[in-house]
PDB file of all heavy atoms in Angstrom:
ATOM      1  N   TRP A   1       0.821  -1.199   0.000  1.00  0.00           N
ATOM      2  CA  TRP A   1       0.000   0.000   0.000  1.00  0.00           C
ATOM      3  C   TRP A   1       0.863   1.262   0.000  1.00  0.00           C
ATOM      4  O   TRP A   1       0.763   2.099  -0.906  1.00  0.00           O
ATOM      5  CB  TRP A   1      -0.949   0.004   1.188  1.00  0.00           C
ATOM      6  CG  TRP A   1      -1.701   1.296   1.354  1.00  0.00           C
ATOM      7  CD1 TRP A   1      -1.756   2.074   2.458  1.00  0.00           C
ATOM      8  CD2 TRP A   1      -2.511   1.957   0.374  1.00  0.00           C
ATOM      9  NE1 TRP A   1      -2.543   3.176   2.242  1.00  0.00           N
ATOM     10  CE2 TRP A   1      -3.022   3.124   0.959  1.00  0.00           C
ATOM     11  CE3 TRP A   1      -2.842   1.671  -0.952  1.00  0.00           C
ATOM     12  CZ2 TRP A   1      -3.841   4.008   0.281  1.00  0.00           C
ATOM     13  CZ3 TRP A   1      -3.672   2.550  -1.634  1.00  0.00           C
ATOM     14  CH2 TRP A   1      -4.161   3.700  -1.013  1.00  0.00           C
ATOM     15  N   TYR A   2       1.766   1.392   0.969  1.00  0.00           N
ATOM     16  CA  TYR A   2       2.584   2.598   1.027  1.00  0.00           C
ATOM     17  C   TYR A   2       3.577   2.651  -0.130  1.00  0.00           C
ATOM     18  O   TYR A   2       3.863   3.735  -0.657  1.00  0.00           O
ATOM     19  CB  TYR A   2       3.311   2.662   2.374  1.00  0.00           C
ATOM     20  CG  TYR A   2       2.374   2.750   3.551  1.00  0.00           C
ATOM     21  CD1 TYR A   2       2.272   1.722   4.475  1.00  0.00           C
ATOM     22  CD2 TYR A   2       1.554   3.865   3.722  1.00  0.00           C
ATOM     23  CE1 TYR A   2       1.402   1.802   5.551  1.00  0.00           C
ATOM     24  CE2 TYR A   2       0.670   3.953   4.795  1.00  0.00           C
ATOM     25  CZ  TYR A   2       0.602   2.907   5.699  1.00  0.00           C
ATOM     26  OH  TYR A   2      -0.272   2.995   6.748  1.00  0.00           O
ATOM     27  N   GLY A   3       4.088   1.501  -0.546  1.00  0.00           N
ATOM     28  CA  GLY A   3       4.971   1.484  -1.704  1.00  0.00           C
ATOM     29  C   GLY A   3       4.252   1.924  -2.969  1.00  0.00           C
ATOM     30  O   GLY A   3       4.796   2.675  -3.785  1.00  0.00           O
ATOM     31  N   THR A   4       3.021   1.466  -3.134  1.00  0.00           N
ATOM     32  CA  THR A   4       2.242   1.864  -4.308  1.00  0.00           C
ATOM     33  C   THR A   4       1.919   3.352  -4.274  1.00  0.00           C
ATOM     34  O   THR A   4       1.915   4.018  -5.318  1.00  0.00           O
ATOM     35  CB  THR A   4       0.937   1.050  -4.374  1.00  0.00           C
ATOM     36  OG1 THR A   4       1.259  -0.345  -4.428  1.00  0.00           O
ATOM     37  CG2 THR A   4       0.127   1.407  -5.606  1.00  0.00           C
ATOM     38  N   VAL A   5       1.642   3.888  -3.095  1.00  0.00           N
ATOM     39  CA  VAL A   5       1.353   5.321  -2.979  1.00  0.00           C
ATOM     40  C   VAL A   5       2.575   6.139  -3.401  1.00  0.00           C
ATOM     41  O   VAL A   5       2.457   7.128  -4.152  1.00  0.00           O
ATOM     42  CB  VAL A   5       0.936   5.664  -1.535  1.00  0.00           C
ATOM     43  CG1 VAL A   5       0.913   7.180  -1.318  1.00  0.00           C
ATOM     44  CG2 VAL A   5      -0.434   5.079  -1.241  1.00  0.00           C
ATOM     45  N   ILE A   6       3.757   5.738  -2.967  1.00  0.00           N
ATOM     46  CA  ILE A   6       4.975   6.485  -3.308  1.00  0.00           C
ATOM     47  C   ILE A   6       5.248   6.414  -4.804  1.00  0.00           C
ATOM     48  O   ILE A   6       5.477   7.435  -5.472  1.00  0.00           O
ATOM     49  CB  ILE A   6       6.172   5.948  -2.503  1.00  0.00           C
ATOM     50  CG1 ILE A   6       5.967   6.227  -1.009  1.00  0.00           C
ATOM     51  CG2 ILE A   6       7.471   6.577  -2.984  1.00  0.00           C
ATOM     52  CD1 ILE A   6       7.001   5.578  -0.113  1.00  0.00           C
ATOM     53  N   VAL A   7       5.221   5.184  -5.365  1.00  0.00           N
ATOM     54  CA  VAL A   7       5.468   5.032  -6.798  1.00  0.00           C
ATOM     55  C   VAL A   7       4.380   5.731  -7.612  1.00  0.00           C
ATOM     56  O   VAL A   7       4.648   6.378  -8.626  1.00  0.00           O
ATOM     57  CB  VAL A   7       5.551   3.538  -7.167  1.00  0.00           C
ATOM     58  CG1 VAL A   7       5.684   3.360  -8.677  1.00  0.00           C
ATOM     59  CG2 VAL A   7       6.735   2.875  -6.463  1.00  0.00           C
ATOM     60  N   GLY A   8       3.131   5.623  -7.155  1.00  0.00           N
ATOM     61  CA  GLY A   8       2.037   6.274  -7.869  1.00  0.00           C
ATOM     62  C   GLY A   8       2.154   7.789  -7.869  1.00  0.00           C
ATOM     63  O   GLY A   8       1.869   8.439  -8.876  1.00  0.00           O
ATOM     64  N   PHE A   9       2.574   8.363  -6.748  1.00  0.00           N
ATOM     65  CA  PHE A   9       2.751   9.811  -6.696  1.00  0.00           C
ATOM     66  C   PHE A   9       3.833  10.258  -7.674  1.00  0.00           C
ATOM     67  O   PHE A   9       3.654  11.253  -8.397  1.00  0.00           O
ATOM     68  CB  PHE A   9       3.125  10.230  -5.271  1.00  0.00           C
ATOM     69  CG  PHE A   9       3.434  11.695  -5.136  1.00  0.00           C
ATOM     70  CD1 PHE A   9       2.413  12.631  -5.089  1.00  0.00           C
ATOM     71  CD2 PHE A   9       4.751  12.136  -5.070  1.00  0.00           C
ATOM     72  CE1 PHE A   9       2.698  13.990  -4.971  1.00  0.00           C
ATOM     73  CE2 PHE A   9       5.041  13.489  -4.961  1.00  0.00           C
ATOM     74  CZ  PHE A   9       4.015  14.419  -4.908  1.00  0.00           C
ATOM     75  N   CYS A  10       4.943   9.521  -7.714  1.00  0.00           N
ATOM     76  CA  CYS A  10       6.007   9.857  -8.674  1.00  0.00           C
ATOM     77  C   CYS A  10       5.503   9.727 -10.105  1.00  0.00           C
ATOM     78  O   CYS A  10       5.774  10.582 -10.964  1.00  0.00           O
ATOM     79  CB  CYS A  10       7.213   8.947  -8.443  1.00  0.00           C
ATOM     80  SG  CYS A  10       8.024   9.157  -6.848  1.00  0.00           S
ATOM     81  N   PHE A  11       4.746   8.661 -10.371  1.00  0.00           N
ATOM     82  CA  PHE A  11       4.248   8.437 -11.723  1.00  0.00           C
ATOM     83  C   PHE A  11       3.271   9.533 -12.133  1.00  0.00           C
ATOM     84  O   PHE A  11       3.313  10.026 -13.268  1.00  0.00           O
ATOM     85  CB  PHE A  11       3.574   7.068 -11.803  1.00  0.00           C
ATOM     86  CG  PHE A  11       3.198   6.663 -13.192  1.00  0.00           C
ATOM     87  CD1 PHE A  11       4.142   6.133 -14.049  1.00  0.00           C
ATOM     88  CD2 PHE A  11       1.897   6.805 -13.655  1.00  0.00           C
ATOM     89  CE1 PHE A  11       3.803   5.759 -15.339  1.00  0.00           C
ATOM     90  CE2 PHE A  11       1.544   6.434 -14.936  1.00  0.00           C
ATOM     91  CZ  PHE A  11       2.510   5.907 -15.781  1.00  0.00           C
ATOM     92  N   PHE A  12       2.378   9.929 -11.229  1.00  0.00           N
ATOM     93  CA  PHE A  12       1.438  11.008 -11.533  1.00  0.00           C
ATOM     94  C   PHE A  12       2.191  12.296 -11.841  1.00  0.00           C
ATOM     95  O   PHE A  12       1.860  13.012 -12.801  1.00  0.00           O
ATOM     96  CB  PHE A  12       0.496  11.214 -10.349  1.00  0.00           C
ATOM     97  CG  PHE A  12      -0.822  10.531 -10.494  1.00  0.00           C
ATOM     98  CD1 PHE A  12      -0.921   9.147 -10.385  1.00  0.00           C
ATOM     99  CD2 PHE A  12      -1.973  11.249 -10.746  1.00  0.00           C
ATOM    100  CE1 PHE A  12      -2.133   8.504 -10.521  1.00  0.00           C
ATOM    101  CE2 PHE A  12      -3.206  10.620 -10.881  1.00  0.00           C
ATOM    102  CZ  PHE A  12      -3.286   9.240 -10.771  1.00  0.00           C
ATOM    103  N   SER A  13       3.209  12.590 -11.059  1.00  0.00           N
ATOM    104  CA  SER A  13       3.973  13.827 -11.277  1.00  0.00           C
ATOM    105  C   SER A  13       4.664  13.800 -12.632  1.00  0.00           C
ATOM    106  O   SER A  13       4.611  14.779 -13.395  1.00  0.00           O
ATOM    107  CB  SER A  13       5.007  13.994 -10.153  1.00  0.00           C
ATOM    108  OG  SER A  13       4.387  14.017  -8.889  1.00  0.00           O
ATOM    109  N   PHE A  14       5.307  12.682 -12.967  1.00  0.00           N
ATOM    110  CA  PHE A  14       6.019  12.584 -14.237  1.00  0.00           C
ATOM    111  C   PHE A  14       5.052  12.667 -15.416  1.00  0.00           C
ATOM    112  O   PHE A  14       5.321  13.351 -16.412  1.00  0.00           O
ATOM    113  CB  PHE A  14       6.814  11.284 -14.316  1.00  0.00           C
ATOM    114  CG  PHE A  14       7.829  11.113 -13.225  1.00  0.00           C
ATOM    115  CD1 PHE A  14       8.262   9.852 -12.830  1.00  0.00           C
ATOM    116  CD2 PHE A  14       8.348  12.225 -12.559  1.00  0.00           C
ATOM    117  CE1 PHE A  14       9.189   9.703 -11.820  1.00  0.00           C
ATOM    118  CE2 PHE A  14       9.282  12.077 -11.538  1.00  0.00           C
ATOM    119  CZ  PHE A  14       9.697  10.813 -11.172  1.00  0.00           C
ATOM    120  N   SER A  15       3.920  11.952 -15.316  1.00  0.00           N
ATOM    121  CA  SER A  15       2.989  11.890 -16.444  1.00  0.00           C
ATOM    122  C   SER A  15       2.350  13.245 -16.717  1.00  0.00           C
ATOM    123  O   SER A  15       2.290  13.697 -17.871  1.00  0.00           O
ATOM    124  CB  SER A  15       1.903  10.847 -16.173  1.00  0.00           C
ATOM    125  OG  SER A  15       2.448   9.556 -16.067  1.00  0.00           O
ATOM    126  N   ILE A  16       1.873  13.906 -15.668  1.00  0.00           N
ATOM    127  CA  ILE A  16       1.238  15.208 -15.859  1.00  0.00           C
ATOM    128  C   ILE A  16       2.249  16.227 -16.371  1.00  0.00           C
ATOM    129  O   ILE A  16       1.959  17.026 -17.277  1.00  0.00           O
ATOM    130  CB  ILE A  16       0.584  15.671 -14.554  1.00  0.00           C
ATOM    131  CG1 ILE A  16      -0.603  14.744 -14.214  1.00  0.00           C
ATOM    132  CG2 ILE A  16       0.118  17.115 -14.649  1.00  0.00           C
ATOM    133  CD1 ILE A  16      -1.275  15.045 -12.901  1.00  0.00           C
ATOM    134  N   SER A  17       3.459  16.193 -15.840  1.00  0.00           N
ATOM    135  CA  SER A  17       4.492  17.114 -16.317  1.00  0.00           C
ATOM    136  C   SER A  17       4.858  16.826 -17.773  1.00  0.00           C
ATOM    137  O   SER A  17       5.073  17.763 -18.557  1.00  0.00           O
ATOM    138  CB  SER A  17       5.740  16.998 -15.435  1.00  0.00           C
ATOM    139  OG  SER A  17       5.423  17.264 -14.080  1.00  0.00           O
ATOM    140  N   LEU A  18       4.909  15.552 -18.147  1.00  0.00           N
ATOM    141  CA  LEU A  18       5.237  15.192 -19.527  1.00  0.00           C
ATOM    142  C   LEU A  18       4.172  15.697 -20.487  1.00  0.00           C
ATOM    143  O   LEU A  18       4.491  16.206 -21.578  1.00  0.00           O
ATOM    144  CB  LEU A  18       5.381  13.675 -19.651  1.00  0.00           C
ATOM    145  CG  LEU A  18       5.668  13.132 -21.060  1.00  0.00           C
ATOM    146  CD1 LEU A  18       6.990  13.678 -21.583  1.00  0.00           C
ATOM    147  CD2 LEU A  18       5.693  11.609 -21.045  1.00  0.00           C
ATOM    148  N   VAL A  19       2.904  15.575 -20.120  1.00  0.00           N
ATOM    149  CA  VAL A  19       1.831  16.062 -20.997  1.00  0.00           C
ATOM    150  C   VAL A  19       1.930  17.569 -21.176  1.00  0.00           C
ATOM    151  O   VAL A  19       1.811  18.088 -22.302  1.00  0.00           O
ATOM    152  CB  VAL A  19       0.454  15.659 -20.429  1.00  0.00           C
ATOM    153  CG1 VAL A  19      -0.661  16.350 -21.214  1.00  0.00           C
ATOM    154  CG2 VAL A  19       0.274  14.152 -20.478  1.00  0.00           C
ATOM    155  N   PHE A  20       2.181  18.312 -20.108  1.00  0.00           N
ATOM    156  CA  PHE A  20       2.284  19.769 -20.217  1.00  0.00           C
ATOM    157  C   PHE A  20       3.492  20.184 -21.065  1.00  0.00           C
ATOM    158  O   PHE A  20       3.409  21.166 -21.822  1.00  0.00           O
ATOM    159  CB  PHE A  20       2.377  20.393 -18.828  1.00  0.00           C
ATOM    160  CG  PHE A  20       1.039  20.701 -18.213  1.00  0.00           C
ATOM    161  CD1 PHE A  20       0.386  19.757 -17.423  1.00  0.00           C
ATOM    162  CD2 PHE A  20       0.425  21.917 -18.426  1.00  0.00           C
ATOM    163  CE1 PHE A  20      -0.849  20.040 -16.870  1.00  0.00           C
ATOM    164  CE2 PHE A  20      -0.810  22.200 -17.872  1.00  0.00           C
ATOM    165  CZ  PHE A  20      -1.449  21.266 -17.092  1.00  0.00           C
ATOM    166  N   LYS A  21       4.595  19.442 -20.948  1.00  0.00           N
ATOM    167  CA  LYS A  21       5.757  19.762 -21.770  1.00  0.00           C
ATOM    168  C   LYS A  21       5.522  19.380 -23.229  1.00  0.00           C
ATOM    169  O   LYS A  21       6.025  20.042 -24.139  1.00  0.00           O
ATOM    170  CB  LYS A  21       6.986  19.042 -21.232  1.00  0.00           C
ATOM    171  CG  LYS A  21       7.477  19.550 -19.901  1.00  0.00           C
ATOM    172  CD  LYS A  21       7.951  20.991 -19.978  1.00  0.00           C
ATOM    173  CE  LYS A  21       9.173  21.155 -20.862  1.00  0.00           C
ATOM    174  NZ  LYS A  21       9.661  22.549 -20.881  1.00  0.00           N
ATOM    175  N   THR A  22       4.758  18.314 -23.471  1.00  0.00           N
ATOM    176  CA  THR A  22       4.499  17.878 -24.846  1.00  0.00           C
ATOM    177  C   THR A  22       3.556  18.833 -25.567  1.00  0.00           C
ATOM    178  O   THR A  22       3.697  19.068 -26.770  1.00  0.00           O
ATOM    179  CB  THR A  22       3.901  16.462 -24.841  1.00  0.00           C
ATOM    180  OG1 THR A  22       4.799  15.579 -24.140  1.00  0.00           O
ATOM    181  CG2 THR A  22       3.707  15.948 -26.252  1.00  0.00           C
ATOM    182  N   VAL A  23       2.590  19.388 -24.833  1.00  0.00           N
ATOM    183  CA  VAL A  23       1.622  20.302 -25.444  1.00  0.00           C
ATOM    184  C   VAL A  23       2.311  21.552 -25.988  1.00  0.00           C
ATOM    185  O   VAL A  23       1.956  22.059 -27.063  1.00  0.00           O
ATOM    186  CB  VAL A  23       0.539  20.669 -24.413  1.00  0.00           C
ATOM    187  CG1 VAL A  23      -0.325  21.819 -24.907  1.00  0.00           C
ATOM    188  CG2 VAL A  23      -0.336  19.461 -24.132  1.00  0.00           C
ATOM    189  N   ARG A  24       3.300  22.090 -25.278  1.00  0.00           N
ATOM    190  CA  ARG A  24       4.101  23.238 -25.723  1.00  0.00           C
ATOM    191  C   ARG A  24       3.252  24.468 -26.042  1.00  0.00           C
ATOM    192  O   ARG A  24       3.516  25.206 -26.996  1.00  0.00           O
ATOM    193  CB  ARG A  24       4.922  22.875 -26.971  1.00  0.00           C
ATOM    194  CG  ARG A  24       6.010  21.854 -26.720  1.00  0.00           C
ATOM    195  CD  ARG A  24       6.674  21.454 -28.014  1.00  0.00           C
ATOM    196  NE  ARG A  24       7.759  20.518 -27.781  1.00  0.00           N
ATOM    197  CZ  ARG A  24       9.032  20.867 -27.689  1.00  0.00           C
ATOM    198  NH1 ARG A  24       9.378  22.128 -27.803  1.00  0.00           N
ATOM    199  NH2 ARG A  24       9.966  19.948 -27.487  1.00  0.00           N
ATOM    200  N   CYS A  25       2.189  24.667 -25.310  1.00  0.00           N
ATOM    201  CA  CYS A  25       1.300  25.793 -25.586  1.00  0.00           C
ATOM    202  C   CYS A  25       0.561  26.154 -24.312  1.00  0.00           C
ATOM    203  O   CYS A  25       0.061  25.274 -23.602  1.00  0.00           O
ATOM    204  CB  CYS A  25       0.312  25.437 -26.698  1.00  0.00           C
ATOM    205  SG  CYS A  25      -0.782  26.792 -27.158  1.00  0.00           S
TER     206      CYS A  25
END
């Protein structure tokens, strides 16, 4: 549970940041 929360938080941060950088607008 706690391991999934930590990995999930990192994954959410990377994914949302990647989408914003890909949009470039």
